[in-house]
Amino acid sequence: MSETDHIVKDLILSRKAQFNLVELYKSLKYWFEVNGYVFFEKEYEDVIKDGKKSVTIKWEGSKKINDYSKLILSVSLKIKDYEIVETKKEKLVDCSLKVGIDGDLESDYEEKWEDRPIWKFLRAVSDRFFTEKKRNMLENMIKDDAYDIFNKTKSFLNLYKFK
């Protein structure tokens, strides 16, 4: 079984804001494509409760570094009690937004080192003593990517603050 380490956990941005949801969606999806992640939507849930609309969107992007390591970024958007506000130029969503970002490092995702107990032991020794520099480099990559998408989302929401 592959081993997943949580490198960035619960990086959260909460804000009451007005913004273009379609543009946010497109810009985040574009970020995944530009940075070489395979993007897919794990969940899209639209709920109407007591006349209030809420949406939950969960995305996951994975990026294979080599035959052994893979970076995984998870982004969840929770949009509560939203209303559509029409301006002269576009339709905006007025809501409470919560964006959560997690970054994981998955080792041996092809499970090549799981056949025999000795191989599993050698993998653990190799991870601990011989490939520590490479592992630190990969951990820094996933941290950089998680904070990059976090900052891009924050910047996007701040642009709409001044409209």
N, C-alpha and C. Protein backbone atom coordinates (compact mmCIF):
# COMPACT_ATOMS: atom_id res chain seq x y z
N MET A 1 0.84 -1.17 0.00
CA MET A 1 0.00 0.00 0.00
C MET A 1 0.89 1.24 0.00
N SER A 2 0.50 2.22 -0.77
CA SER A 2 1.29 3.45 -0.83
C SER A 2 1.20 4.19 0.50
N GLU A 3 2.17 5.06 0.72
CA GLU A 3 2.23 5.82 1.96
C GLU A 3 1.98 7.29 1.64
N THR A 4 1.04 7.88 2.36
CA THR A 4 0.70 9.29 2.14
C THR A 4 1.04 10.09 3.39
N ASP A 5 1.83 11.13 3.21
CA ASP A 5 2.19 12.02 4.30
C ASP A 5 1.51 13.37 4.08
N HIS A 6 0.86 13.86 5.12
CA HIS A 6 0.19 15.16 5.05
C HIS A 6 1.22 16.25 5.35
N ILE A 7 1.57 17.01 4.34
CA ILE A 7 2.59 18.05 4.47
C ILE A 7 1.95 19.39 4.84
N VAL A 8 0.92 19.78 4.11
CA VAL A 8 0.18 21.01 4.40
C VAL A 8 -1.23 20.59 4.78
N LYS A 9 -1.63 20.95 5.97
CA LYS A 9 -2.94 20.52 6.45
C LYS A 9 -3.76 21.73 6.89
N ASP A 10 -4.97 21.79 6.41
CA ASP A 10 -5.94 22.81 6.82
C ASP A 10 -5.45 24.24 6.65
N LEU A 11 -5.02 24.56 5.46
CA LEU A 11 -4.72 25.94 5.10
C LEU A 11 -6.06 26.56 4.71
N ILE A 12 -6.59 27.45 5.53
CA ILE A 12 -7.98 27.89 5.38
C ILE A 12 -8.07 29.40 5.17
N LEU A 13 -8.94 29.75 4.24
CA LEU A 13 -9.27 31.16 3.96
C LEU A 13 -10.78 31.29 4.11
N SER A 14 -11.22 32.11 5.05
CA SER A 14 -12.65 32.36 5.26
C SER A 14 -12.93 33.83 5.04
N ARG A 15 -14.01 34.09 4.33
CA ARG A 15 -14.31 35.48 4.02
C ARG A 15 -15.77 35.62 3.60
N LYS A 16 -16.36 36.73 3.99
CA LYS A 16 -17.66 37.14 3.46
C LYS A 16 -17.34 38.05 2.30
N ALA A 17 -17.77 37.67 1.10
CA ALA A 17 -17.31 38.40 -0.08
C ALA A 17 -18.34 38.38 -1.20
N GLN A 18 -18.11 39.30 -2.13
CA GLN A 18 -18.81 39.31 -3.41
C GLN A 18 -17.77 39.06 -4.48
N PHE A 19 -17.99 38.06 -5.31
CA PHE A 19 -17.03 37.72 -6.35
C PHE A 19 -17.72 36.96 -7.47
N ASN A 20 -17.03 36.84 -8.57
CA ASN A 20 -17.53 36.09 -9.72
C ASN A 20 -17.12 34.63 -9.53
N LEU A 21 -18.08 33.79 -9.22
CA LEU A 21 -17.81 32.38 -8.94
C LEU A 21 -17.28 31.65 -10.16
N VAL A 22 -17.80 31.97 -11.32
CA VAL A 22 -17.34 31.31 -12.55
C VAL A 22 -15.87 31.64 -12.81
N GLU A 23 -15.49 32.89 -12.62
CA GLU A 23 -14.10 33.28 -12.83
C GLU A 23 -13.17 32.65 -11.79
N LEU A 24 -13.61 32.55 -10.55
CA LEU A 24 -12.81 31.88 -9.52
C LEU A 24 -12.60 30.42 -9.89
N TYR A 25 -13.66 29.78 -10.31
CA TYR A 25 -13.61 28.37 -10.72
C TYR A 25 -12.60 28.20 -11.87
N LYS A 26 -12.72 29.05 -12.88
CA LYS A 26 -11.83 28.96 -14.04
C LYS A 26 -10.38 29.24 -13.66
N SER A 27 -10.15 30.24 -12.82
CA SER A 27 -8.78 30.59 -12.47
C SER A 27 -8.11 29.49 -11.64
N LEU A 28 -8.85 28.86 -10.75
CA LEU A 28 -8.26 27.77 -9.97
C LEU A 28 -7.99 26.54 -10.84
N LYS A 29 -8.91 26.24 -11.73
CA LYS A 29 -8.71 25.12 -12.65
C LYS A 29 -7.50 25.39 -13.55
N TYR A 30 -7.38 26.62 -14.02
CA TYR A 30 -6.25 27.01 -14.86
C TYR A 30 -4.94 26.87 -14.09
N TRP A 31 -4.95 27.22 -12.80
CA TRP A 31 -3.74 27.09 -11.98
C TRP A 31 -3.27 25.63 -11.97
N PHE A 32 -4.20 24.70 -11.80
CA PHE A 32 -3.84 23.28 -11.80
C PHE A 32 -3.22 22.88 -13.14
N GLU A 33 -3.82 23.32 -14.23
CA GLU A 33 -3.32 22.96 -15.56
C GLU A 33 -1.92 23.54 -15.81
N VAL A 34 -1.73 24.80 -15.48
CA VAL A 34 -0.45 25.47 -15.72
C VAL A 34 0.67 24.84 -14.89
N ASN A 35 0.37 24.40 -13.70
CA ASN A 35 1.38 23.83 -12.81
C ASN A 35 1.55 22.33 -12.96
N GLY A 36 0.95 21.74 -13.97
CA GLY A 36 1.19 20.35 -14.30
C GLY A 36 0.44 19.32 -13.48
N TYR A 37 -0.63 19.72 -12.83
CA TYR A 37 -1.44 18.78 -12.04
C TYR A 37 -2.56 18.20 -12.89
N VAL A 38 -2.85 16.93 -12.67
CA VAL A 38 -4.02 16.30 -13.28
C VAL A 38 -5.18 16.63 -12.35
N PHE A 39 -6.14 17.36 -12.87
CA PHE A 39 -7.23 17.94 -12.08
C PHE A 39 -8.50 17.13 -12.25
N PHE A 40 -9.18 16.86 -11.14
CA PHE A 40 -10.53 16.31 -11.25
C PHE A 40 -11.38 16.76 -10.06
N GLU A 41 -12.66 16.84 -10.33
CA GLU A 41 -13.60 17.29 -9.32
C GLU A 41 -14.14 16.07 -8.59
N LYS A 42 -13.89 15.99 -7.30
CA LYS A 42 -14.33 14.85 -6.51
C LYS A 42 -15.78 14.98 -6.08
N GLU A 43 -16.21 16.21 -5.86
CA GLU A 43 -17.56 16.41 -5.33
C GLU A 43 -18.09 17.78 -5.74
N TYR A 44 -19.35 17.82 -6.07
CA TYR A 44 -20.05 19.08 -6.30
C TYR A 44 -21.45 18.89 -5.72
N GLU A 45 -21.73 19.61 -4.66
CA GLU A 45 -23.01 19.45 -3.98
C GLU A 45 -23.68 20.81 -3.86
N ASP A 46 -24.88 20.91 -4.38
CA ASP A 46 -25.66 22.14 -4.35
C ASP A 46 -26.88 21.88 -3.47
N VAL A 47 -27.01 22.62 -2.37
CA VAL A 47 -28.07 22.37 -1.40
C VAL A 47 -28.89 23.64 -1.20
N ILE A 48 -30.21 23.48 -1.17
CA ILE A 48 -31.09 24.59 -0.84
C ILE A 48 -31.79 24.20 0.47
N LYS A 49 -31.57 25.03 1.49
CA LYS A 49 -32.13 24.74 2.81
C LYS A 49 -32.72 26.04 3.37
N ASP A 50 -33.99 26.01 3.68
CA ASP A 50 -34.70 27.18 4.21
C ASP A 50 -34.57 28.39 3.27
N GLY A 51 -34.62 28.14 1.98
CA GLY A 51 -34.53 29.22 1.00
C GLY A 51 -33.14 29.76 0.77
N LYS A 52 -32.15 29.23 1.45
CA LYS A 52 -30.75 29.65 1.30
C LYS A 52 -30.00 28.59 0.50
N LYS A 53 -29.17 29.06 -0.42
CA LYS A 53 -28.41 28.15 -1.27
C LYS A 53 -26.98 28.01 -0.75
N SER A 54 -26.48 26.80 -0.81
CA SER A 54 -25.10 26.52 -0.42
C SER A 54 -24.50 25.53 -1.41
N VAL A 55 -23.19 25.69 -1.64
CA VAL A 55 -22.49 24.82 -2.58
C VAL A 55 -21.20 24.33 -1.91
N THR A 56 -20.92 23.05 -2.10
CA THR A 56 -19.65 22.48 -1.66
C THR A 56 -18.97 21.88 -2.88
N ILE A 57 -17.74 22.28 -3.11
CA ILE A 57 -16.96 21.79 -4.25
C ILE A 57 -15.64 21.25 -3.70
N LYS A 58 -15.30 20.04 -4.09
CA LYS A 58 -14.02 19.46 -3.68
C LYS A 58 -13.25 19.03 -4.92
N TRP A 59 -12.01 19.51 -5.00
CA TRP A 59 -11.13 19.19 -6.12
C TRP A 59 -9.90 18.48 -5.61
N GLU A 60 -9.32 17.72 -6.51
CA GLU A 60 -8.03 17.11 -6.21
C GLU A 60 -7.17 17.16 -7.46
N GLY A 61 -5.92 17.53 -7.25
CA GLY A 61 -4.96 17.56 -8.34
C GLY A 61 -3.76 16.72 -7.94
N SER A 62 -3.29 15.90 -8.88
CA SER A 62 -2.11 15.08 -8.60
C SER A 62 -1.05 15.34 -9.65
N LYS A 63 0.19 15.26 -9.21
CA LYS A 63 1.32 15.53 -10.10
C LYS A 63 2.39 14.47 -9.83
N LYS A 64 2.62 13.64 -10.83
CA LYS A 64 3.64 12.60 -10.70
C LYS A 64 5.02 13.22 -10.88
N ILE A 65 5.87 13.02 -9.91
CA ILE A 65 7.23 13.54 -9.97
C ILE A 65 8.14 12.51 -10.62
N ASN A 66 8.00 11.26 -10.20
CA ASN A 66 8.74 10.15 -10.77
C ASN A 66 7.91 8.88 -10.55
N ASP A 67 8.51 7.71 -10.75
CA ASP A 67 7.77 6.46 -10.59
C ASP A 67 7.48 6.13 -9.13
N TYR A 68 7.98 6.93 -8.23
CA TYR A 68 7.86 6.63 -6.82
C TYR A 68 7.07 7.68 -6.05
N SER A 69 7.18 8.94 -6.43
CA SER A 69 6.58 10.04 -5.66
C SER A 69 5.54 10.80 -6.46
N LYS A 70 4.50 11.22 -5.75
CA LYS A 70 3.43 11.99 -6.37
C LYS A 70 2.96 13.05 -5.37
N LEU A 71 2.74 14.26 -5.88
CA LEU A 71 2.20 15.36 -5.08
C LEU A 71 0.68 15.41 -5.27
N ILE A 72 -0.03 15.63 -4.18
CA ILE A 72 -1.49 15.71 -4.25
C ILE A 72 -1.94 16.97 -3.55
N LEU A 73 -2.69 17.81 -4.26
CA LEU A 73 -3.28 19.02 -3.70
C LEU A 73 -4.80 18.86 -3.67
N SER A 74 -5.39 19.09 -2.53
CA SER A 74 -6.84 19.03 -2.38
C SER A 74 -7.35 20.42 -2.04
N VAL A 75 -8.37 20.86 -2.76
CA VAL A 75 -8.97 22.17 -2.54
C VAL A 75 -10.47 21.97 -2.32
N SER A 76 -10.98 22.55 -1.25
CA SER A 76 -12.43 22.49 -1.03
C SER A 76 -12.96 23.91 -0.90
N LEU A 77 -14.05 24.15 -1.59
CA LEU A 77 -14.75 25.44 -1.53
C LEU A 77 -16.11 25.20 -0.89
N LYS A 78 -16.40 25.95 0.16
CA LYS A 78 -17.71 25.89 0.79
C LYS A 78 -18.32 27.28 0.71
N ILE A 79 -19.39 27.36 -0.03
CA ILE A 79 -20.07 28.64 -0.27
C ILE A 79 -21.42 28.55 0.42
N LYS A 80 -21.62 29.39 1.44
CA LYS A 80 -22.85 29.32 2.22
C LYS A 80 -23.72 30.54 1.99
N ASP A 81 -25.02 30.28 1.98
CA ASP A 81 -26.04 31.33 1.93
C ASP A 81 -25.76 32.36 0.84
N TYR A 82 -25.62 31.87 -0.38
CA TYR A 82 -25.25 32.81 -1.44
C TYR A 82 -26.47 33.38 -2.16
N GLU A 83 -26.27 34.59 -2.62
CA GLU A 83 -27.25 35.29 -3.44
C GLU A 83 -26.53 35.81 -4.67
N ILE A 84 -27.23 35.86 -5.78
CA ILE A 84 -26.64 36.39 -7.00
C ILE A 84 -26.94 37.88 -7.09
N VAL A 85 -25.87 38.65 -7.27
CA VAL A 85 -25.98 40.11 -7.38
C VAL A 85 -25.56 40.48 -8.79
N GLU A 86 -26.42 41.20 -9.49
CA GLU A 86 -26.10 41.60 -10.86
C GLU A 86 -25.58 43.02 -10.89
N THR A 87 -24.42 43.17 -11.51
CA THR A 87 -23.85 44.51 -11.72
C THR A 87 -23.96 44.82 -13.22
N LYS A 88 -23.46 45.97 -13.62
CA LYS A 88 -23.51 46.34 -15.03
C LYS A 88 -22.67 45.41 -15.88
N LYS A 89 -21.56 44.92 -15.34
CA LYS A 89 -20.62 44.12 -16.12
C LYS A 89 -20.81 42.62 -15.97
N GLU A 90 -21.20 42.15 -14.77
CA GLU A 90 -21.20 40.71 -14.53
C GLU A 90 -22.13 40.34 -13.39
N LYS A 91 -22.32 39.03 -13.22
CA LYS A 91 -23.08 38.51 -12.09
C LYS A 91 -22.09 38.09 -11.01
N LEU A 92 -22.33 38.56 -9.81
CA LEU A 92 -21.48 38.22 -8.68
C LEU A 92 -22.25 37.39 -7.68
N VAL A 93 -21.52 36.67 -6.87
CA VAL A 93 -22.11 35.88 -5.80
C VAL A 93 -21.76 36.57 -4.49
N ASP A 94 -22.76 36.84 -3.67
CA ASP A 94 -22.55 37.42 -2.35
C ASP A 94 -22.75 36.29 -1.34
N CYS A 95 -21.68 35.93 -0.62
CA CYS A 95 -21.76 34.73 0.22
C CYS A 95 -20.68 34.72 1.29
N SER A 96 -20.76 33.70 2.12
CA SER A 96 -19.67 33.37 3.04
C SER A 96 -18.88 32.25 2.37
N LEU A 97 -17.60 32.49 2.16
CA LEU A 97 -16.75 31.54 1.44
C LEU A 97 -15.70 30.99 2.38
N LYS A 98 -15.50 29.69 2.29
CA LYS A 98 -14.43 29.04 3.05
C LYS A 98 -13.66 28.15 2.07
N VAL A 99 -12.38 28.45 1.92
CA VAL A 99 -11.51 27.68 1.04
C VAL A 99 -10.52 26.93 1.91
N GLY A 100 -10.44 25.62 1.72
CA GLY A 100 -9.50 24.79 2.47
C GLY A 100 -8.54 24.11 1.51
N ILE A 101 -7.26 24.10 1.85
CA ILE A 101 -6.24 23.51 0.98
C ILE A 101 -5.39 22.54 1.80
N ASP A 102 -5.20 21.36 1.25
CA ASP A 102 -4.33 20.35 1.86
C ASP A 102 -3.32 19.90 0.82
N GLY A 103 -2.11 19.61 1.27
CA GLY A 103 -1.06 19.13 0.38
C GLY A 103 -0.46 17.86 0.93
N ASP A 104 -0.44 16.82 0.10
CA ASP A 104 0.07 15.52 0.52
C ASP A 104 1.18 15.05 -0.41
N LEU A 105 2.05 14.23 0.14
CA LEU A 105 3.12 13.58 -0.61
C LEU A 105 2.87 12.08 -0.54
N GLU A 106 2.65 11.47 -1.68
CA GLU A 106 2.39 10.03 -1.73
C GLU A 106 3.63 9.32 -2.25
N SER A 107 4.08 8.33 -1.49
CA SER A 107 5.26 7.55 -1.87
C SER A 107 4.82 6.16 -2.31
N ASP A 108 5.53 5.61 -3.27
CA ASP A 108 5.27 4.28 -3.81
C ASP A 108 3.81 4.14 -4.25
N TYR A 109 3.34 5.10 -5.02
CA TYR A 109 1.94 5.09 -5.45
C TYR A 109 1.62 3.95 -6.42
N GLU A 110 2.64 3.39 -7.06
CA GLU A 110 2.41 2.23 -7.94
C GLU A 110 2.53 0.91 -7.19
N GLU A 111 2.87 0.99 -5.91
CA GLU A 111 2.97 -0.16 -5.02
C GLU A 111 3.93 -1.23 -5.53
N LYS A 112 5.06 -0.80 -6.03
CA LYS A 112 6.08 -1.72 -6.51
C LYS A 112 6.89 -2.33 -5.37
N TRP A 113 6.91 -1.66 -4.22
CA TRP A 113 7.72 -2.09 -3.09
C TRP A 113 6.90 -2.83 -2.04
N GLU A 114 5.73 -3.27 -2.39
CA GLU A 114 4.84 -3.92 -1.42
C GLU A 114 4.75 -5.43 -1.58
N ASP A 115 5.39 -6.01 -2.57
CA ASP A 115 5.24 -7.44 -2.85
C ASP A 115 5.74 -8.32 -1.70
N ARG A 116 6.89 -7.98 -1.19
CA ARG A 116 7.51 -8.81 -0.15
C ARG A 116 7.88 -7.95 1.05
N PRO A 117 7.88 -8.55 2.23
CA PRO A 117 8.24 -7.77 3.43
C PRO A 117 9.65 -7.19 3.37
N ILE A 118 10.60 -7.90 2.75
CA ILE A 118 11.97 -7.39 2.67
C ILE A 118 12.03 -6.13 1.81
N TRP A 119 11.25 -6.10 0.71
CA TRP A 119 11.20 -4.92 -0.14
C TRP A 119 10.60 -3.74 0.62
N LYS A 120 9.58 -4.01 1.41
CA LYS A 120 8.95 -2.97 2.21
C LYS A 120 9.95 -2.40 3.23
N PHE A 121 10.72 -3.28 3.84
CA PHE A 121 11.74 -2.86 4.80
C PHE A 121 12.81 -2.01 4.10
N LEU A 122 13.26 -2.47 2.93
CA LEU A 122 14.28 -1.72 2.19
C LEU A 122 13.76 -0.35 1.76
N ARG A 123 12.49 -0.28 1.42
CA ARG A 123 11.89 1.01 1.06
C ARG A 123 11.92 1.96 2.25
N ALA A 124 11.57 1.45 3.43
CA ALA A 124 11.57 2.28 4.63
C ALA A 124 12.98 2.77 4.96
N VAL A 125 13.98 1.90 4.81
CA VAL A 125 15.37 2.28 5.07
C VAL A 125 15.82 3.32 4.05
N SER A 126 15.49 3.09 2.81
CA SER A 126 15.86 4.03 1.74
C SER A 126 15.23 5.40 1.98
N ASP A 127 13.94 5.41 2.31
CA ASP A 127 13.25 6.67 2.57
C ASP A 127 13.88 7.42 3.74
N ARG A 128 14.26 6.68 4.74
CA ARG A 128 14.78 7.31 5.97
C ARG A 128 16.21 7.80 5.82
N PHE A 129 17.07 7.04 5.15
CA PHE A 129 18.50 7.35 5.18
C PHE A 129 19.10 7.84 3.87
N PHE A 130 18.58 7.40 2.73
CA PHE A 130 19.25 7.69 1.47
C PHE A 130 18.57 8.77 0.63
N THR A 131 17.29 8.91 0.76
CA THR A 131 16.57 9.87 -0.10
C THR A 131 15.96 11.03 0.70
N GLU A 132 16.54 11.33 1.81
CA GLU A 132 15.99 12.38 2.67
C GLU A 132 16.05 13.76 2.02
N LYS A 133 17.13 14.07 1.31
CA LYS A 133 17.24 15.37 0.63
C LYS A 133 16.16 15.53 -0.44
N LYS A 134 15.98 14.47 -1.22
CA LYS A 134 14.97 14.51 -2.27
C LYS A 134 13.57 14.66 -1.65
N ARG A 135 13.35 13.97 -0.56
CA ARG A 135 12.06 14.05 0.12
C ARG A 135 11.82 15.47 0.64
N ASN A 136 12.83 16.08 1.21
CA ASN A 136 12.69 17.47 1.68
C ASN A 136 12.38 18.41 0.53
N MET A 137 13.02 18.16 -0.61
CA MET A 137 12.76 18.97 -1.79
C MET A 137 11.30 18.83 -2.23
N LEU A 138 10.77 17.60 -2.22
CA LEU A 138 9.38 17.36 -2.61
C LEU A 138 8.41 17.98 -1.61
N GLU A 139 8.75 17.91 -0.33
CA GLU A 139 7.91 18.54 0.69
C GLU A 139 7.85 20.06 0.47
N ASN A 140 8.98 20.64 0.14
CA ASN A 140 9.00 22.08 -0.15
C ASN A 140 8.20 22.41 -1.40
N MET A 141 8.24 21.52 -2.40
CA MET A 141 7.44 21.74 -3.63
C MET A 141 5.95 21.78 -3.32
N ILE A 142 5.48 20.82 -2.52
CA ILE A 142 4.05 20.78 -2.23
C ILE A 142 3.65 21.96 -1.34
N LYS A 143 4.54 22.38 -0.44
CA LYS A 143 4.25 23.57 0.39
C LYS A 143 4.16 24.81 -0.49
N ASP A 144 5.12 24.96 -1.41
CA ASP A 144 5.12 26.12 -2.31
C ASP A 144 3.86 26.16 -3.16
N ASP A 145 3.47 25.00 -3.70
CA ASP A 145 2.27 24.95 -4.53
C ASP A 145 1.01 25.26 -3.72
N ALA A 146 0.92 24.70 -2.52
CA ALA A 146 -0.26 24.94 -1.67
C ALA A 146 -0.38 26.42 -1.32
N TYR A 147 0.73 27.04 -0.94
CA TYR A 147 0.69 28.46 -0.59
C TYR A 147 0.50 29.34 -1.83
N ASP A 148 0.96 28.88 -2.97
CA ASP A 148 0.76 29.64 -4.20
C ASP A 148 -0.73 29.69 -4.56
N ILE A 149 -1.40 28.55 -4.54
CA ILE A 149 -2.83 28.54 -4.87
C ILE A 149 -3.63 29.28 -3.80
N PHE A 150 -3.20 29.21 -2.55
CA PHE A 150 -3.83 29.95 -1.46
C PHE A 150 -3.72 31.46 -1.70
N ASN A 151 -2.52 31.91 -2.03
CA ASN A 151 -2.30 33.34 -2.27
C ASN A 151 -3.00 33.83 -3.53
N LYS A 152 -3.06 32.99 -4.57
CA LYS A 152 -3.78 33.37 -5.79
C LYS A 152 -5.28 33.54 -5.49
N THR A 153 -5.83 32.66 -4.68
CA THR A 153 -7.24 32.76 -4.33
C THR A 153 -7.49 34.01 -3.50
N LYS A 154 -6.60 34.28 -2.56
CA LYS A 154 -6.72 35.47 -1.72
C LYS A 154 -6.64 36.74 -2.58
N SER A 155 -5.72 36.76 -3.52
CA SER A 155 -5.58 37.92 -4.42
C SER A 155 -6.83 38.09 -5.28
N PHE A 156 -7.36 36.98 -5.78
CA PHE A 156 -8.57 37.04 -6.60
C PHE A 156 -9.71 37.66 -5.82
N LEU A 157 -9.89 37.25 -4.58
CA LEU A 157 -10.97 37.79 -3.76
C LEU A 157 -10.73 39.25 -3.40
N ASN A 158 -9.49 39.65 -3.22
CA ASN A 158 -9.19 41.05 -2.92
C ASN A 158 -9.44 41.96 -4.12
N LEU A 159 -9.31 41.42 -5.34
CA LEU A 159 -9.62 42.22 -6.52
C LEU A 159 -11.08 42.65 -6.53
N TYR A 160 -11.95 41.74 -6.10
CA TYR A 160 -13.36 42.06 -6.09
C TYR A 160 -13.75 42.95 -4.93
N LYS A 161 -12.89 43.05 -3.95
CA LYS A 161 -13.14 43.91 -2.80
C LYS A 161 -13.23 45.38 -3.20
N PHE A 162 -12.50 45.77 -4.23
CA PHE A 162 -12.42 47.18 -4.61
C PHE A 162 -13.30 47.54 -5.81
N LYS A 163 -14.15 46.66 -6.26
CA LYS A 163 -15.00 46.98 -7.40
C LYS A 163 -16.23 47.76 -6.99
